[in-house]
Amino acid sequence: MNTDVIITCAVTGAGDTVGKSDKVPVTPQQVADSAIEAARAGAAVAHIHVRDPETGKGSRDVELFREAVELVRASDTDVIINLTAGMGGDWIPDEDNPAVGGPGTDMIGPEERLAHVKALLPEICTLDCGTLNFGGGNDIYISTPGYLHEMARIVQELGVKPELEVFDLGMAWFASSLVEAGLIDAPPLFQICLGIPWGAPADTNAMTAIRNALPPGAMWAGFGISRMQMPMVAQAMILGGNVRVGLEDNLYLDRGVLATNGDLVTRAKEIVERLGGRTLSPAEARVKMGLKPKG
C-alpha cells in the first residue's frame, strides 16, 4: 500500500459536461480558479484542459491555455501543472463517406498536438498511449504508435515529464515499449484510466492487471470515472499507486449532490487519511516524481 499519496485533480476535461453541472469550469479564469481551489484542498497536481468560452466545448487554443496557466502560476499554491496533450485525435466517420471525417472530427499531427506544451513548458503533459473506441457511436480517439514515438521524443527534448495515460492492457504494453526505447526519462509516470467505454472497466481486476504490466520502477496513479471515482481512490492507494479525482471524470460528491473540484479533492484526502496515509505537497510530489525543483 502507498501511504504517501499524490492527488491529481483533473479540473474540467473536454467532455459534454457543461450542461450537466454549473460547477464545471469553462473560461480560463474559471479553470484557473478551480485548479487553485483544488490545490488549496490538497491536490499536488492540476490536470488542465481548456474550453471555448462561447460554446463550452473542449479547445486546443494555445492562448486559452496560456491565460489559464499564467493565472495558476501567479497564485500562491505552487501546484504542479499537468497539461493535456490529448486534443486533436477525434475521428468520426462521415455517414455518407466513411473514408473522410464527419462533423466533430478534429485530427491533427504530433507537432500541433503539442503546440501549447512547447509554448508554456508545463512540468507534466499527458500522452494518451493508444487508439480507443469511445462510447457507443462511431467516435474514435486516434493516437498511433508513430505519432506517440514522435510526441515522446519532442516532450523529452522539451524537458517536460510525460504522464503515460493507459486505458487498457495493450496501451500499458505499448507505453512500456516507449520506456524501453529510451524515450521516457526515469522514473516513468503512468496514469491508469478506468471506466471509459470501451477501455478497461473500473474494477480491481483491471487496475491490478495493468499495474502488474508496468515496467520496474514505474510511478503510477489510477482513477475511475463517475460513481467509481472514490472507490478507485481507495483501490489505487491499496495497490500502491497515487490517485486522481476531478470534474473531468465525475460530477457528483454524493448521489444527487453536484461537486466542485475542491469537494472531490477533500473527499479523496479524507479517504487517504482514513486508510492511514497522507497526501503530499507539490514540493514533495516533485521529489517523488523526479521533477526538477521549481525555480
Protein backbone atom coordinates (compact mmCIF):
# COMPACT_ATOMS: atom_id res chain seq x y z
CA MET A 1 0.00 0.00 0.00
CA ASN A 2 1.12 3.53 -0.75
CA THR A 3 0.84 5.80 2.29
CA ASP A 4 2.45 8.90 0.71
CA VAL A 5 -0.16 9.79 -1.87
CA ILE A 6 -0.13 12.35 -4.67
CA ILE A 7 -3.58 13.68 -5.55
CA THR A 8 -4.09 14.92 -9.10
CA CYS A 9 -7.22 16.95 -9.85
CA ALA A 10 -8.50 16.88 -13.45
CA VAL A 11 -10.42 20.11 -13.31
CA THR A 12 -12.58 20.24 -16.44
CA GLY A 13 -11.77 17.84 -19.29
CA ALA A 14 -13.27 18.23 -22.75
CA GLY A 15 -16.40 16.11 -22.46
CA ASP A 16 -20.01 17.20 -22.85
CA THR A 17 -20.49 18.02 -19.17
CA VAL A 18 -21.06 21.77 -19.10
CA GLY A 19 -24.82 21.42 -19.45
CA LYS A 20 -24.93 18.78 -16.70
CA SER A 21 -23.36 20.85 -13.91
CA ASP A 22 -22.86 24.56 -13.35
CA LYS A 23 -19.74 23.67 -11.33
CA VAL A 24 -17.74 22.69 -14.45
CA PRO A 25 -15.24 25.47 -15.22
CA VAL A 26 -15.36 26.87 -18.75
CA THR A 27 -13.42 30.15 -19.09
CA PRO A 28 -9.66 30.31 -18.48
CA GLN A 29 -10.35 32.29 -15.29
CA GLN A 30 -12.76 29.61 -14.07
CA VAL A 31 -10.33 26.82 -14.97
CA ALA A 32 -7.52 28.57 -13.12
CA ASP A 33 -9.72 29.33 -10.09
CA SER A 34 -10.81 25.71 -9.98
CA ALA A 35 -7.23 24.44 -10.17
CA ILE A 36 -6.25 26.79 -7.35
CA GLU A 37 -9.26 25.66 -5.28
CA ALA A 38 -8.22 22.01 -5.79
CA ALA A 39 -4.63 22.80 -4.78
CA ARG A 40 -5.76 24.51 -1.60
CA ALA A 41 -7.88 21.46 -0.78
CA GLY A 42 -4.86 19.19 -1.08
CA ALA A 43 -4.15 18.40 -4.73
CA ALA A 44 -0.46 18.43 -5.64
CA VAL A 45 -1.15 18.33 -9.40
CA ALA A 46 -3.73 20.14 -11.54
CA HIS A 47 -4.51 18.41 -14.85
CA ILE A 48 -5.74 21.14 -17.17
CA HIS A 49 -7.85 21.23 -20.32
CA VAL A 50 -9.40 24.43 -21.66
CA ARG A 51 -12.78 25.08 -23.22
CA ASP A 52 -14.15 27.54 -25.75
CA PRO A 53 -15.72 30.25 -23.54
CA GLU A 54 -18.54 30.74 -26.06
CA THR A 55 -19.57 27.11 -26.57
CA GLY A 56 -18.15 25.27 -23.56
CA LYS A 57 -16.65 22.65 -25.87
CA GLY A 58 -13.09 21.40 -25.42
CA SER A 59 -10.46 23.53 -27.13
CA ARG A 60 -6.77 23.35 -28.01
CA ASP A 61 -6.35 27.11 -28.43
CA VAL A 62 -2.86 27.97 -27.20
CA GLU A 63 -3.94 31.40 -25.94
CA LEU A 64 -6.69 29.91 -23.78
CA PHE A 65 -4.12 27.56 -22.26
CA ARG A 66 -1.73 30.47 -21.78
CA GLU A 67 -4.30 32.54 -19.91
CA ALA A 68 -5.28 29.69 -17.57
CA VAL A 69 -1.69 28.60 -16.92
CA GLU A 70 -0.42 32.11 -16.21
CA LEU A 71 -3.23 32.65 -13.69
CA VAL A 72 -2.36 29.42 -11.88
CA ARG A 73 1.34 30.22 -11.90
CA ALA A 74 0.63 33.66 -10.43
CA SER A 75 -1.19 32.08 -7.47
CA ASP A 76 0.40 31.11 -4.17
CA THR A 77 -0.45 27.41 -4.47
CA ASP A 78 2.79 26.06 -6.06
CA VAL A 79 0.59 23.38 -7.68
CA ILE A 80 2.22 21.22 -10.38
CA ILE A 81 0.70 21.96 -13.79
CA ASN A 82 -0.15 18.96 -15.97
CA LEU A 83 -1.45 19.95 -19.41
CA THR A 84 -3.42 17.61 -21.60
CA ALA A 85 -1.87 16.77 -24.96
CA GLY A 86 -4.81 14.59 -25.91
CA MET A 87 -6.73 17.06 -28.05
CA GLY A 88 -6.66 16.63 -31.84
CA GLY A 89 -7.24 12.89 -32.10
CA ASP A 90 -11.03 12.77 -32.57
CA TRP A 91 -12.28 10.91 -35.63
CA ILE A 92 -15.96 10.46 -36.51
CA PRO A 93 -16.51 8.86 -39.91
CA ASP A 94 -18.79 10.76 -42.26
CA GLU A 95 -22.11 8.97 -42.59
CA ASP A 96 -22.11 9.13 -46.40
CA ASN A 97 -18.38 8.61 -46.95
CA PRO A 98 -16.61 6.91 -44.04
CA ALA A 99 -13.26 7.45 -45.75
CA VAL A 100 -13.38 11.07 -44.56
CA GLY A 101 -14.02 12.66 -41.20
CA GLY A 102 -17.53 13.87 -40.50
CA PRO A 103 -18.82 16.58 -38.15
CA GLY A 104 -16.95 16.60 -34.86
CA THR A 105 -13.71 15.26 -36.33
CA ASP A 106 -10.58 17.07 -35.13
CA MET A 107 -7.49 15.22 -36.34
CA ILE A 108 -4.02 16.81 -36.27
CA GLY A 109 -0.42 15.65 -36.14
CA PRO A 110 2.12 15.30 -33.31
CA GLU A 111 3.66 18.78 -33.54
CA GLU A 112 0.31 20.57 -33.46
CA ARG A 113 -0.95 18.42 -30.56
CA LEU A 114 1.99 19.73 -28.53
CA ALA A 115 1.85 23.41 -29.60
CA HIS A 116 0.65 24.62 -26.17
CA VAL A 117 3.16 22.40 -24.37
CA LYS A 118 6.00 23.92 -26.38
CA ALA A 119 4.72 27.42 -25.68
CA LEU A 120 4.13 27.03 -21.93
CA LEU A 121 6.52 24.25 -20.79
CA PRO A 122 4.43 22.73 -18.00
CA GLU A 123 6.08 20.33 -15.60
CA ILE A 124 3.92 17.46 -16.91
CA CYS A 125 1.87 16.77 -20.03
CA THR A 126 -0.19 13.73 -20.92
CA LEU A 127 0.41 11.21 -23.69
CA ASP A 128 -2.67 9.09 -24.43
CA CYS A 129 -0.98 5.84 -25.38
CA GLY A 130 -3.27 4.32 -27.97
CA THR A 131 -6.42 4.35 -30.06
CA LEU A 132 -9.82 3.76 -28.46
CA ASN A 133 -13.42 3.22 -29.50
CA PHE A 134 -15.06 5.99 -27.49
CA GLY A 135 -18.64 5.44 -26.40
CA GLY A 136 -21.46 3.69 -28.21
CA GLY A 137 -21.45 5.55 -31.52
CA ASN A 138 -18.80 5.91 -34.20
CA ASP A 139 -16.44 8.14 -32.22
CA ILE A 140 -12.80 7.04 -32.24
CA TYR A 141 -9.84 8.56 -30.42
CA ILE A 142 -6.75 8.04 -32.57
CA SER A 143 -3.21 8.08 -31.19
CA THR A 144 -0.95 5.94 -33.37
CA PRO A 145 2.41 4.37 -32.45
CA GLY A 146 4.18 6.64 -34.93
CA TYR A 147 2.58 9.76 -33.53
CA LEU A 148 3.37 8.71 -29.97
CA HIS A 149 7.03 7.99 -30.71
CA GLU A 150 7.34 11.48 -32.18
CA MET A 151 5.45 13.13 -29.32
CA ALA A 152 7.57 11.31 -26.73
CA ARG A 153 10.72 12.48 -28.50
CA ILE A 154 9.54 16.10 -28.57
CA VAL A 155 8.43 16.09 -24.93
CA GLN A 156 11.74 14.56 -23.84
CA GLU A 157 13.67 17.28 -25.67
CA LEU A 158 11.49 19.94 -24.01
CA GLY A 159 12.28 18.56 -20.55
CA VAL A 160 8.57 18.02 -19.79
CA LYS A 161 7.56 14.88 -17.87
CA PRO A 162 5.09 12.77 -19.87
CA GLU A 163 2.22 11.17 -17.99
CA LEU A 164 1.56 7.98 -19.94
CA GLU A 165 -2.21 7.58 -19.93
CA VAL A 166 -3.28 3.97 -20.46
CA PHE A 167 -6.89 2.90 -20.91
CA ASP A 168 -6.34 -0.83 -21.32
CA LEU A 169 -3.66 -3.52 -21.07
CA GLY A 170 -2.46 -3.07 -24.65
CA MET A 171 -1.81 0.61 -24.07
CA ALA A 172 0.27 -0.25 -21.00
CA TRP A 173 2.26 -2.67 -23.14
CA PHE A 174 2.86 -0.01 -25.78
CA ALA A 175 3.74 2.70 -23.22
CA SER A 176 6.27 0.33 -21.68
CA SER A 177 7.88 -0.01 -25.11
CA LEU A 178 8.44 3.77 -25.14
CA VAL A 179 10.31 3.38 -21.85
CA GLU A 180 12.37 0.51 -23.27
CA ALA A 181 13.21 2.64 -26.31
CA GLY A 182 14.73 5.33 -24.09
CA LEU A 183 12.07 7.90 -24.99
CA ILE A 184 10.83 8.29 -21.40
CA ASP A 185 13.17 9.52 -18.66
CA ALA A 186 13.18 7.70 -15.32
CA PRO A 187 11.07 7.29 -13.37
CA PRO A 188 8.28 6.72 -15.93
CA LEU A 189 4.92 8.10 -14.86
CA PHE A 190 1.72 6.22 -15.73
CA GLN A 191 -1.96 7.06 -15.27
CA ILE A 192 -4.33 4.06 -15.27
CA CYS A 193 -7.63 5.35 -16.68
CA LEU A 194 -10.61 3.10 -15.96
CA GLY A 195 -14.29 3.01 -16.79
CA ILE A 196 -14.21 4.89 -20.11
CA PRO A 197 -16.24 2.95 -22.70
CA TRP A 198 -14.60 0.97 -24.28
CA GLY A 199 -11.36 0.76 -22.39
CA ALA A 200 -10.75 -1.25 -19.25
CA PRO A 201 -13.53 -1.31 -16.63
CA ALA A 202 -13.20 0.45 -13.28
CA ASP A 203 -12.62 -2.57 -11.09
CA THR A 204 -9.93 -4.27 -9.02
CA ASN A 205 -9.07 -6.87 -11.65
CA ALA A 206 -8.41 -4.29 -14.37
CA MET A 207 -6.37 -1.98 -12.16
CA THR A 208 -4.30 -4.88 -10.82
CA ALA A 209 -3.65 -6.35 -14.27
CA ILE A 210 -2.50 -3.02 -15.71
CA ARG A 211 -0.39 -2.22 -12.64
CA ASN A 212 1.30 -5.61 -12.99
CA ALA A 213 2.16 -4.83 -16.62
CA LEU A 214 4.04 -1.62 -15.82
CA PRO A 215 7.85 -1.60 -16.10
CA PRO A 216 10.05 -1.86 -13.00
CA GLY A 217 10.45 1.42 -11.15
CA ALA A 218 7.34 2.97 -12.70
CA MET A 219 5.32 5.51 -10.74
CA TRP A 220 1.59 5.33 -11.29
CA ALA A 221 -1.77 6.73 -10.38
CA GLY A 222 -5.22 5.43 -11.16
CA PHE A 223 -8.78 6.64 -11.40
CA GLY A 224 -12.30 5.54 -12.22
CA ILE A 225 -15.00 7.68 -13.74
CA SER A 226 -18.46 8.56 -12.45
CA ARG A 227 -19.62 6.68 -9.31
CA MET A 228 -16.41 4.61 -9.31
CA GLN A 229 -14.21 7.66 -8.72
CA MET A 230 -13.93 7.36 -4.94
CA PRO A 231 -13.80 3.54 -4.81
CA MET A 232 -10.86 3.68 -7.20
CA VAL A 233 -9.15 6.26 -4.95
CA ALA A 234 -9.07 3.64 -2.21
CA GLN A 235 -8.17 0.85 -4.63
CA ALA A 236 -5.25 2.72 -6.20
CA MET A 237 -3.81 3.57 -2.80
CA ILE A 238 -4.14 -0.01 -1.56
CA LEU A 239 -2.45 -1.35 -4.71
CA GLY A 240 0.49 1.05 -4.25
CA GLY A 241 -0.46 3.92 -6.53
CA ASN A 242 -1.42 7.58 -6.41
CA VAL A 243 -4.88 8.96 -7.17
CA ARG A 244 -6.82 11.27 -9.46
CA VAL A 245 -10.19 12.92 -8.95
CA GLY A 246 -11.92 15.91 -10.54
CA LEU A 247 -14.84 17.10 -12.61
CA GLU A 248 -13.30 15.75 -15.81
CA ASP A 249 -14.17 12.28 -14.57
CA ASN A 250 -17.12 12.69 -12.18
CA LEU A 251 -19.64 15.45 -11.43
CA TYR A 252 -21.05 14.25 -8.11
CA LEU A 253 -19.89 14.25 -4.49
CA ASP A 254 -22.82 12.08 -3.36
CA ARG A 255 -25.93 10.83 -5.08
CA GLY A 256 -27.70 13.88 -6.48
CA VAL A 257 -25.15 16.31 -4.99
CA LEU A 258 -23.08 18.19 -7.56
CA ALA A 259 -19.43 18.66 -6.58
CA THR A 260 -16.75 21.25 -7.05
CA ASN A 261 -13.18 20.18 -7.67
CA GLY A 262 -12.35 21.27 -4.14
CA ASP A 263 -15.10 18.99 -2.80
CA LEU A 264 -13.73 15.99 -4.70
CA VAL A 265 -10.15 16.60 -3.57
CA THR A 266 -11.31 16.99 0.03
CA ARG A 267 -13.20 13.67 -0.15
CA ALA A 268 -10.18 11.91 -1.70
CA LYS A 269 -7.91 13.31 1.01
CA GLU A 270 -10.30 12.01 3.68
CA ILE A 271 -10.16 8.52 2.13
CA VAL A 272 -6.37 8.58 2.04
CA GLU A 273 -6.15 9.66 5.66
CA ARG A 274 -8.76 7.14 6.86
CA LEU A 275 -6.67 4.41 5.24
CA GLY A 276 -3.67 5.56 7.26
CA GLY A 277 -1.89 7.64 4.64
CA ARG A 278 -1.13 11.26 3.97
CA THR A 279 -1.25 13.46 0.89
CA LEU A 280 1.92 15.04 -0.48
CA SER A 281 2.52 18.73 -1.09
CA PRO A 282 3.58 19.87 -4.57
CA ALA A 283 7.19 20.12 -3.38
CA GLU A 284 7.11 16.56 -2.03
CA ALA A 285 5.38 15.31 -5.18
CA ARG A 286 8.10 16.83 -7.36
CA VAL A 287 10.71 14.80 -5.50
CA LYS A 288 8.66 11.59 -5.73
CA MET A 289 8.00 12.00 -9.46
CA GLY A 290 11.55 13.05 -10.33
CA LEU A 291 10.58 16.51 -11.50
CA LYS A 292 13.03 19.37 -11.50
CA PRO A 293 12.75 21.61 -8.39
CA LYS A 294 10.56 24.62 -9.10
CA GLY A 295 12.51 27.80 -9.76
